[in-house]
Amino acid sequence: MSEGKDVHAFTVLSRVLNDDRLAPTRAYSQLGLFQDVMDAHSPTISSYVDQWTLGGDLDKKVEELLWMQALIYGVSGVEKSGPYNADFFHMHLVTSSLSLPHVFSLLKRNSQVLLLRAYLAYSLAWYIGRGRPPLDIKSFFSDPETLHPSAPGPRPTPDKDVHPSPTSPYAITPNPWLQIMQSTLVHPDYHLFKFQRAFAEYAAIWGHVEKGYFKDTELKDAELIDGTLFVRAAGLTAGRMGWVREGEPQFSEGTIWDRRGFFSAVEAKL
C-alpha cells in the first residue's frame, strides 16, 4: 500500500479489535491453534498487516511491536472478575519479543521489513486465537494497587526522617524491581525468568514514558498508556505465579501459567 500517514501497530491492533469478523466464536484447541486461526482468518490478518506503514524509521517499528506485545499480555490479563489471567501464550509473545531487536539488527532493510510484517501477523494470530480479549486500558492504568508492587511478608520500620515519609510505600519498597527480580531468581518456573527479564529491560528503556505518548493512534484510551505498564504487569504476574521466596506456593492449575484463554463471552452463549 502507499505510504501516507504513519500507521502505528496500536492502530492496527485497534482495527483488529473492532472487526466483527475476528470476534471469537469458539475456543480454539491449544494444539494447532495457530494453523486453525490462519486457515480461518489469514486474508483478514494479512490485510491489517499491510496497513502497518514501514516506510520510515524501522527501529521505531520494532519499538511499536515490543509495546504491543507488552500491552496485550499486561492489560488483557486483568478481567472483570477472578484472578489475573497470566496467559501462557501471551507470555510467549513477550519473551519472544526480547530477541526481536537483535535478530532485526543483523538483517538488510528488505529482510527487516519481511521480519516485522511476519512477526506482526504471527502476534495478531495468537491474540485472535486466544479469544481476542478486550483491552481496558483506562482501568489498568488508573489502578493505584498495581502502580507500586511490593512482595508479601515482613516490612521494615522506616525511621521518621526517611524520604519521602515513614508511611510512604516508596519508603518500604523504593524500587519494586529489586523485589520482583530477587524473588524471580529463585522461582521454580523458568519461563518467569525470561518474562521478568524482558519487562525489566523494557522498563529500563521506556519506564519514563509519560501519558500522551501514544495519543495519535486509533487505540481507545491509548493516551493513558505510560511506562508503568511494565512494572504493573510484572507485579501482577509475580502475584499470580506466587512469591515463593517470600513463602507463597507457586501457582499451579494443572500446569504453570494460565491456559484458559479469554473465551468467557463465547462460553456464556453455549
Protein backbone atom coordinates (compact mmCIF):
# COMPACT_ATOMS: atom_id res chain seq x y z
CA MET A 1 0.00 0.00 0.00
CA SER A 2 1.12 3.60 -0.44
CA GLU A 3 2.95 5.20 2.48
CA GLY A 4 0.86 8.17 3.60
CA LYS A 5 0.04 8.92 7.23
CA ASP A 6 2.02 6.75 9.57
CA VAL A 7 0.01 3.81 10.89
CA HIS A 8 1.12 2.63 14.32
CA ALA A 9 0.95 -1.00 15.46
CA PHE A 10 -1.55 0.13 18.12
CA THR A 11 -3.79 1.38 15.32
CA VAL A 12 -3.61 -1.99 13.60
CA LEU A 13 -4.41 -3.66 16.94
CA SER A 14 -7.41 -1.37 17.38
CA ARG A 15 -8.75 -2.25 13.94
CA VAL A 16 -8.39 -5.95 14.72
CA LEU A 17 -10.26 -5.41 17.99
CA ASN A 18 -13.14 -3.71 16.21
CA ASP A 19 -13.53 -6.17 13.34
CA ASP A 20 -16.58 -8.38 13.90
CA ARG A 21 -15.16 -10.98 11.54
CA LEU A 22 -12.44 -11.68 14.10
CA ALA A 23 -14.71 -11.96 17.13
CA PRO A 24 -14.27 -15.31 18.90
CA THR A 25 -16.92 -17.90 18.02
CA ARG A 26 -15.30 -20.86 19.74
CA ALA A 27 -12.42 -21.76 21.98
CA TYR A 28 -9.57 -22.97 19.80
CA SER A 29 -7.72 -26.12 20.77
CA GLN A 30 -4.23 -25.33 22.01
CA LEU A 31 -2.86 -27.92 19.61
CA GLY A 32 -2.95 -26.48 16.12
CA LEU A 33 -4.27 -23.10 17.31
CA PHE A 34 -2.05 -21.01 15.07
CA GLN A 35 -2.87 -23.01 11.95
CA ASP A 36 -6.60 -23.00 12.74
CA VAL A 37 -6.60 -19.21 13.09
CA MET A 38 -4.65 -18.72 9.87
CA ASP A 39 -6.94 -21.11 7.99
CA ALA A 40 -9.94 -19.08 9.12
CA HIS A 41 -8.58 -15.54 9.02
CA SER A 42 -5.33 -15.28 7.06
CA PRO A 43 -6.69 -12.88 4.37
CA THR A 44 -8.08 -10.55 7.05
CA ILE A 45 -4.92 -10.67 9.14
CA SER A 46 -2.79 -10.04 6.05
CA SER A 47 -4.88 -7.02 5.12
CA TYR A 48 -4.29 -5.46 8.53
CA VAL A 49 -0.59 -6.23 8.48
CA ASP A 50 -0.37 -4.47 5.10
CA GLN A 51 -1.91 -1.35 6.67
CA TRP A 52 1.05 -1.00 9.02
CA THR A 53 3.42 1.56 7.50
CA LEU A 54 7.06 0.54 7.24
CA GLY A 55 8.49 3.24 5.01
CA GLY A 56 10.37 5.25 7.60
CA ASP A 57 12.48 4.52 10.67
CA LEU A 58 12.19 0.76 11.19
CA ASP A 59 13.74 0.92 14.64
CA LYS A 60 10.62 2.80 15.73
CA LYS A 61 8.50 -0.01 14.28
CA VAL A 62 10.38 -2.56 16.36
CA GLU A 63 9.58 -0.42 19.39
CA GLU A 64 5.90 -0.43 18.42
CA LEU A 65 5.86 -4.22 18.35
CA LEU A 66 7.51 -4.54 21.76
CA TRP A 67 4.97 -2.18 23.29
CA MET A 68 2.11 -4.02 21.59
CA GLN A 69 3.20 -7.40 22.97
CA ALA A 70 3.54 -5.95 26.45
CA LEU A 71 0.15 -4.25 26.24
CA ILE A 72 -1.65 -7.39 25.03
CA TYR A 73 -0.23 -9.51 27.83
CA GLY A 74 -0.42 -6.94 30.60
CA VAL A 75 -3.80 -5.31 30.06
CA SER A 76 -5.82 -8.28 28.81
CA GLY A 77 -4.88 -10.27 31.90
CA VAL A 78 -6.99 -8.03 34.13
CA GLU A 79 -10.52 -9.34 33.73
CA LYS A 80 -13.77 -8.13 35.29
CA SER A 81 -13.70 -10.94 37.84
CA GLY A 82 -11.30 -13.60 39.03
CA PRO A 83 -7.53 -13.63 39.42
CA TYR A 84 -5.08 -12.16 36.97
CA ASN A 85 -5.03 -14.19 33.74
CA ALA A 86 -1.31 -14.75 33.15
CA ASP A 87 -1.85 -16.31 29.75
CA PHE A 88 0.79 -18.85 28.75
CA PHE A 89 0.66 -17.93 25.06
CA HIS A 90 0.59 -14.16 25.52
CA MET A 91 3.56 -14.58 27.86
CA HIS A 92 5.49 -16.12 24.97
CA LEU A 93 4.71 -13.07 22.82
CA VAL A 94 6.61 -11.07 25.44
CA THR A 95 9.56 -13.42 25.84
CA SER A 96 9.96 -13.83 22.08
CA SER A 97 9.92 -10.07 21.60
CA LEU A 98 13.10 -9.72 23.64
CA SER A 99 15.14 -11.30 20.86
CA LEU A 100 13.45 -9.39 18.04
CA PRO A 101 15.73 -6.31 18.08
CA HIS A 102 18.84 -8.49 17.97
CA VAL A 103 17.70 -10.56 15.00
CA PHE A 104 16.41 -7.41 13.29
CA SER A 105 19.77 -5.65 13.60
CA LEU A 106 21.55 -8.37 11.61
CA LEU A 107 19.34 -8.06 8.52
CA LYS A 108 19.26 -5.84 5.46
CA ARG A 109 16.32 -3.48 5.19
CA ASN A 110 14.22 -5.60 2.83
CA SER A 111 14.59 -8.57 5.15
CA GLN A 112 13.85 -6.37 8.15
CA VAL A 113 10.52 -5.38 6.61
CA LEU A 114 9.66 -9.02 5.95
CA LEU A 115 10.55 -9.97 9.51
CA LEU A 116 8.45 -7.21 11.04
CA ARG A 117 5.39 -8.00 8.92
CA ALA A 118 5.67 -11.72 9.66
CA TYR A 119 6.09 -11.06 13.36
CA LEU A 120 3.06 -8.77 13.49
CA ALA A 121 0.95 -11.35 11.63
CA TYR A 122 2.13 -14.07 13.99
CA SER A 123 1.33 -11.95 17.04
CA LEU A 124 -2.14 -10.97 15.83
CA ALA A 125 -2.95 -14.60 15.02
CA TRP A 126 -2.12 -15.70 18.56
CA TYR A 127 -4.04 -12.76 20.03
CA ILE A 128 -7.11 -13.69 17.98
CA GLY A 129 -6.67 -17.36 18.74
CA ARG A 130 -6.64 -16.78 22.49
CA GLY A 131 -10.02 -15.07 22.28
CA ARG A 132 -9.12 -11.53 21.19
CA PRO A 133 -9.57 -10.23 24.76
CA PRO A 134 -10.65 -6.61 25.28
CA LEU A 135 -8.10 -4.09 26.46
CA ASP A 136 -9.46 -1.95 29.30
CA ILE A 137 -6.58 0.49 29.21
CA LYS A 138 -8.31 3.12 31.35
CA SER A 139 -8.93 0.71 34.22
CA PHE A 140 -5.48 -0.82 34.04
CA PHE A 141 -3.57 2.45 34.22
CA SER A 142 -5.78 4.02 36.88
CA ASP A 143 -5.40 1.20 39.43
CA PRO A 144 -3.35 2.50 42.40
CA GLU A 145 -2.85 -1.03 43.71
CA THR A 146 -0.63 -2.09 40.80
CA LEU A 147 1.39 1.09 40.47
CA HIS A 148 3.96 0.18 43.12
CA PRO A 149 4.02 -3.59 43.69
CA SER A 150 5.60 -4.96 46.82
CA ALA A 151 6.41 -8.50 47.91
CA PRO A 152 4.38 -10.00 50.76
CA GLY A 153 5.92 -10.69 54.14
CA PRO A 154 7.51 -8.70 56.96
CA ARG A 155 8.00 -4.99 56.40
CA PRO A 156 10.79 -2.72 57.61
CA THR A 157 10.02 0.09 60.04
CA PRO A 158 11.37 3.29 58.49
CA ASP A 159 12.81 6.00 60.65
CA LYS A 160 10.92 9.26 60.96
CA ASP A 161 13.48 11.02 58.75
CA VAL A 162 13.15 8.63 55.82
CA HIS A 163 12.21 10.07 52.44
CA PRO A 164 9.59 10.83 51.32
CA SER A 165 7.85 9.89 54.62
CA PRO A 166 7.69 6.94 57.03
CA THR A 167 4.23 5.95 55.74
CA SER A 168 5.03 6.18 52.04
CA PRO A 169 5.10 2.92 50.07
CA TYR A 170 8.29 4.25 48.47
CA ALA A 171 9.98 4.15 51.89
CA ILE A 172 9.05 0.47 52.25
CA THR A 173 9.87 -0.53 48.66
CA PRO A 174 11.94 2.19 46.95
CA ASN A 175 12.39 0.08 43.81
CA PRO A 176 9.81 -2.68 43.14
CA TRP A 177 12.06 -4.26 40.54
CA LEU A 178 14.59 -5.29 43.18
CA GLN A 179 11.99 -7.38 44.99
CA ILE A 180 10.49 -8.74 41.79
CA MET A 181 13.82 -9.87 40.38
CA GLN A 182 15.10 -11.20 43.69
CA SER A 183 12.04 -13.42 44.05
CA THR A 184 12.12 -14.42 40.38
CA LEU A 185 15.72 -15.68 40.64
CA VAL A 186 14.64 -18.50 42.96
CA HIS A 187 11.25 -19.27 41.42
CA PRO A 188 10.90 -22.86 40.13
CA ASP A 189 9.32 -21.82 36.81
CA TYR A 190 11.97 -20.92 34.25
CA HIS A 191 9.50 -19.08 31.99
CA LEU A 192 9.14 -16.48 34.72
CA PHE A 193 12.87 -15.66 34.50
CA LYS A 194 12.59 -14.84 30.82
CA PHE A 195 9.37 -12.91 31.23
CA GLN A 196 10.52 -10.67 34.09
CA ARG A 197 13.86 -10.13 32.40
CA ALA A 198 12.05 -8.81 29.32
CA PHE A 199 9.83 -6.44 31.27
CA ALA A 200 12.72 -5.25 33.43
CA GLU A 201 14.67 -4.36 30.29
CA TYR A 202 11.68 -2.59 28.74
CA ALA A 203 11.10 -0.67 31.97
CA ALA A 204 14.73 0.45 31.93
CA ILE A 205 14.29 1.76 28.37
CA TRP A 206 10.72 3.09 28.44
CA GLY A 207 9.74 3.33 32.10
CA HIS A 208 9.97 7.11 31.84
CA VAL A 209 7.38 7.35 29.04
CA GLU A 210 4.54 9.65 30.09
CA LYS A 211 0.86 9.56 29.28
CA GLY A 212 0.10 11.04 25.88
CA TYR A 213 2.97 9.34 24.07
CA PHE A 214 0.54 7.19 22.07
CA LYS A 215 -2.28 9.72 21.74
CA ASP A 216 -2.12 9.83 17.95
CA THR A 217 -3.03 6.17 17.49
CA GLU A 218 -6.56 4.83 16.99
CA LEU A 219 -6.45 2.53 20.02
CA LYS A 220 -9.09 3.54 22.58
CA ASP A 221 -7.56 5.33 25.60
CA ALA A 222 -4.04 4.93 24.20
CA GLU A 223 -3.24 8.41 25.53
CA LEU A 224 -3.39 6.90 29.04
CA ILE A 225 -0.62 4.36 28.38
CA ASP A 226 2.66 5.15 30.10
CA GLY A 227 5.87 3.48 31.21
CA THR A 228 4.26 1.98 34.31
CA LEU A 229 2.89 -0.75 32.03
CA PHE A 230 5.91 -2.93 32.69
CA VAL A 231 6.13 -2.75 36.47
CA ARG A 232 2.35 -3.09 36.83
CA ALA A 233 2.26 -6.23 34.69
CA ALA A 234 5.40 -7.62 36.31
CA GLY A 235 3.88 -7.22 39.76
CA LEU A 236 0.59 -8.80 38.71
CA THR A 237 2.49 -11.71 37.22
CA ALA A 238 4.63 -12.18 40.32
CA GLY A 239 1.47 -12.30 42.40
CA ARG A 240 -0.21 -14.81 40.10
CA MET A 241 2.81 -17.09 39.86
CA GLY A 242 3.47 -16.94 43.58
CA TRP A 243 6.10 -15.09 45.60
CA VAL A 244 7.81 -18.37 46.50
CA ARG A 245 10.87 -16.78 48.11
CA GLU A 246 8.52 -14.93 50.46
CA GLY A 247 6.60 -18.08 51.42
CA GLU A 248 3.77 -18.26 48.89
CA PRO A 249 3.25 -21.53 46.98
CA GLN A 250 3.82 -21.40 43.24
CA PHE A 251 0.73 -21.13 41.09
CA SER A 252 -0.45 -24.43 39.66
CA GLU A 253 -3.64 -25.04 37.74
CA GLY A 254 -2.76 -28.42 36.32
CA THR A 255 0.19 -26.64 34.75
CA ILE A 256 2.16 -23.47 35.28
CA TRP A 257 0.69 -20.25 33.83
CA ASP A 258 -2.94 -19.74 32.83
CA ARG A 259 -4.19 -21.61 29.78
CA ARG A 260 -7.91 -20.96 29.97
CA GLY A 261 -7.73 -18.22 27.37
CA PHE A 262 -10.28 -15.43 27.08
CA PHE A 263 -13.42 -17.16 25.92
CA SER A 264 -15.93 -16.27 28.64
CA ALA A 265 -18.21 -14.43 26.18
CA VAL A 266 -18.26 -17.46 23.87
CA GLU A 267 -18.76 -19.95 26.69
CA ALA A 268 -21.68 -17.91 28.07
CA LYS A 269 -23.58 -18.47 24.81
CA LEU A 270 -23.12 -22.26 24.85
